[in-house]
C-alpha atoms as a PDB file:
ATOM      1  CA  MET A   1     -26.494  11.829  22.777  1.00  0.00           C
ATOM      2  CA  CYS A   2     -24.578  10.734  25.869  1.00  0.00           C
ATOM      3  CA  LEU A   3     -25.830  11.632  29.307  1.00  0.00           C
ATOM      4  CA  GLY A   4     -24.543  11.367  32.827  1.00  0.00           C
ATOM      5  CA  ILE A   5     -27.358   9.639  34.705  1.00  0.00           C
ATOM      6  CA  PRO A   6     -27.690   9.973  38.494  1.00  0.00           C
ATOM      7  CA  GLY A   7     -28.238   6.860  40.534  1.00  0.00           C
ATOM      8  CA  ARG A   8     -27.959   5.537  44.091  1.00  0.00           C
ATOM      9  CA  ILE A   9     -25.350   2.923  44.958  1.00  0.00           C
ATOM     10  CA  VAL A  10     -27.056  -0.182  46.376  1.00  0.00           C
ATOM     11  CA  THR A  11     -24.033  -2.501  46.584  1.00  0.00           C
ATOM     12  CA  VAL A  12     -20.271  -2.172  46.494  1.00  0.00           C
ATOM     13  CA  ASP A  13     -18.547  -5.364  45.426  1.00  0.00           C
ATOM     14  CA  ASP A  14     -15.244  -6.610  46.756  1.00  0.00           C
ATOM     15  CA  THR A  15     -13.710  -6.779  43.277  1.00  0.00           C
ATOM     16  CA  GLU A  16     -10.839  -5.291  41.350  1.00  0.00           C
ATOM     17  CA  PRO A  17     -11.510  -2.961  39.675  1.00  0.00           C
ATOM     18  CA  ARG A  18     -13.888  -1.533  42.281  1.00  0.00           C
ATOM     19  CA  SER A  19     -17.501  -1.889  41.152  1.00  0.00           C
ATOM     20  CA  GLY A  20     -21.032  -2.107  42.441  1.00  0.00           C
ATOM     21  CA  THR A  21     -24.692  -1.920  41.569  1.00  0.00           C
ATOM     22  CA  VAL A  22     -26.448   1.403  41.054  1.00  0.00           C
ATOM     23  CA  ASP A  23     -30.195   1.976  41.081  1.00  0.00           C
ATOM     24  CA  PHE A  24     -31.422   4.389  38.409  1.00  0.00           C
ATOM     25  CA  ASP A  25     -35.000   5.148  39.419  1.00  0.00           C
ATOM     26  CA  GLY A  26     -35.813   1.436  39.726  1.00  0.00           C
ATOM     27  CA  LEU A  27     -33.489   0.183  36.998  1.00  0.00           C
ATOM     28  CA  ARG A  28     -30.355  -1.480  38.437  1.00  0.00           C
ATOM     29  CA  ARG A  29     -27.081  -1.808  36.556  1.00  0.00           C
ATOM     30  CA  PRO A  30     -23.488  -2.803  37.368  1.00  0.00           C
ATOM     31  CA  VAL A  31     -21.183   0.225  37.472  1.00  0.00           C
ATOM     32  CA  CYS A  32     -17.430   0.716  37.742  1.00  0.00           C
ATOM     33  CA  LEU A  33     -16.597   2.812  40.833  1.00  0.00           C
ATOM     34  CA  VAL A  34     -12.878   3.340  40.171  1.00  0.00           C
ATOM     35  CA  TYR A  35     -13.263   7.087  39.564  1.00  0.00           C
ATOM     36  CA  THR A  36     -15.269   7.586  42.766  1.00  0.00           C
ATOM     37  CA  PRO A  37     -13.226   5.711  45.389  1.00  0.00           C
ATOM     38  CA  GLU A  38     -14.953   7.580  48.232  1.00  0.00           C
ATOM     39  CA  ALA A  39     -18.451   6.477  47.123  1.00  0.00           C
ATOM     40  CA  GLU A  40     -20.282   4.046  49.402  1.00  0.00           C
ATOM     41  CA  VAL A  41     -23.667   2.314  49.575  1.00  0.00           C
ATOM     42  CA  GLY A  42     -26.407   4.949  49.729  1.00  0.00           C
ATOM     43  CA  ASP A  43     -24.390   7.640  47.952  1.00  0.00           C
ATOM     44  CA  HIS A  44     -25.610   9.161  44.697  1.00  0.00           C
ATOM     45  CA  VAL A  45     -23.302   9.210  41.694  1.00  0.00           C
ATOM     46  CA  ILE A  46     -23.385  10.431  38.120  1.00  0.00           C
ATOM     47  CA  VAL A  47     -22.792   7.515  35.730  1.00  0.00           C
ATOM     48  CA  HIS A  48     -21.544   7.836  32.177  1.00  0.00           C
ATOM     49  CA  VAL A  49     -21.008   4.758  29.958  1.00  0.00           C
ATOM     50  CA  GLY A  50     -20.923   2.443  32.971  1.00  0.00           C
ATOM     51  CA  PHE A  51     -18.491   4.512  35.059  1.00  0.00           C
ATOM     52  CA  ALA A  52     -19.431   6.539  38.126  1.00  0.00           C
ATOM     53  CA  ILE A  53     -17.683   9.841  37.430  1.00  0.00           C
ATOM     54  CA  ALA A  54     -18.834  12.066  40.298  1.00  0.00           C
ATOM     55  CA  LEU A  55     -20.660  12.089  43.604  1.00  0.00           C
ATOM     56  CA  VAL A  56     -23.791  14.249  43.826  1.00  0.00           C
ATOM     57  CA  ASP A  57     -26.107  14.992  46.704  1.00  0.00           C
ATOM     58  CA  GLU A  58     -29.552  13.420  46.863  1.00  0.00           C
ATOM     59  CA  GLU A  59     -31.309  16.695  46.017  1.00  0.00           C
ATOM     60  CA  GLU A  60     -29.310  17.219  42.812  1.00  0.00           C
ATOM     61  CA  ALA A  61     -29.859  13.586  41.809  1.00  0.00           C
ATOM     62  CA  ALA A  62     -33.628  13.985  42.316  1.00  0.00           C
ATOM     63  CA  ARG A  63     -33.742  17.194  40.240  1.00  0.00           C
ATOM     64  CA  THR A  64     -31.833  15.578  37.386  1.00  0.00           C
ATOM     65  CA  LEU A  65     -34.004  12.444  37.442  1.00  0.00           C
ATOM     66  CA  ALA A  66     -37.125  14.630  37.292  1.00  0.00           C
ATOM     67  CA  VAL A  67     -35.826  16.222  34.087  1.00  0.00           C
ATOM     68  CA  LEU A  68     -34.929  12.822  32.618  1.00  0.00           C
ATOM     69  CA  ARG A  69     -38.379  11.421  33.456  1.00  0.00           C
ATOM     70  CA  ALA A  70     -39.855  14.162  31.290  1.00  0.00           C
ATOM     71  CA  MET A  71     -37.994  12.746  28.274  1.00  0.00           C
ATOM     72  CA  PRO A  72     -39.637   9.542  27.050  1.00  0.00           C
ATOM     73  CA  ASP A  73     -37.409   6.495  27.622  1.00  0.00           C
ATOM     74  CA  ALA A  74     -34.318   8.632  28.410  1.00  0.00           C
ATOM     75  CA  ILE A  75     -33.042   6.480  31.237  1.00  0.00           C
ATOM     76  CA  GLU A  76     -33.713   3.111  29.576  1.00  0.00           C
ATOM     77  CA  THR A  77     -32.273   4.311  26.246  1.00  0.00           C
ATOM     78  CA  GLU A  78     -29.084   5.624  27.814  1.00  0.00           C
ATOM     79  CA  LEU A  79     -28.502   2.608  30.081  1.00  0.00           C
ATOM     80  CA  GLY A  80     -29.461  -0.003  27.508  1.00  0.00           C
ATOM     81  CA  PRO A  81     -30.804  -3.498  28.157  1.00  0.00           C
END
C-alpha cells in the first residue's frame, strides 16, 4: 500500500531540483519539493514516494498523523530506513 504521509518542512535546500528535509512525527527524511514550489520551512506537506505533492494545514496534518499512529509501524514502513 502506498500512502501520502504528512510532515513539516524543517529545511529547504538551495539545490536543483528544489529539495529539503521534512519531519514526519520525529522521523526526518530528504524530500523533493519540486511539485510544491510555494512550500517553505514550517509548512506541512503530503509526501508520496519522496515527493511533496500538496500543502496541507497543520490541523489536517495532525489528524492524518493521529490515524497513522494507530497503525503499527505505518510511518516507518512507508518511509523506509
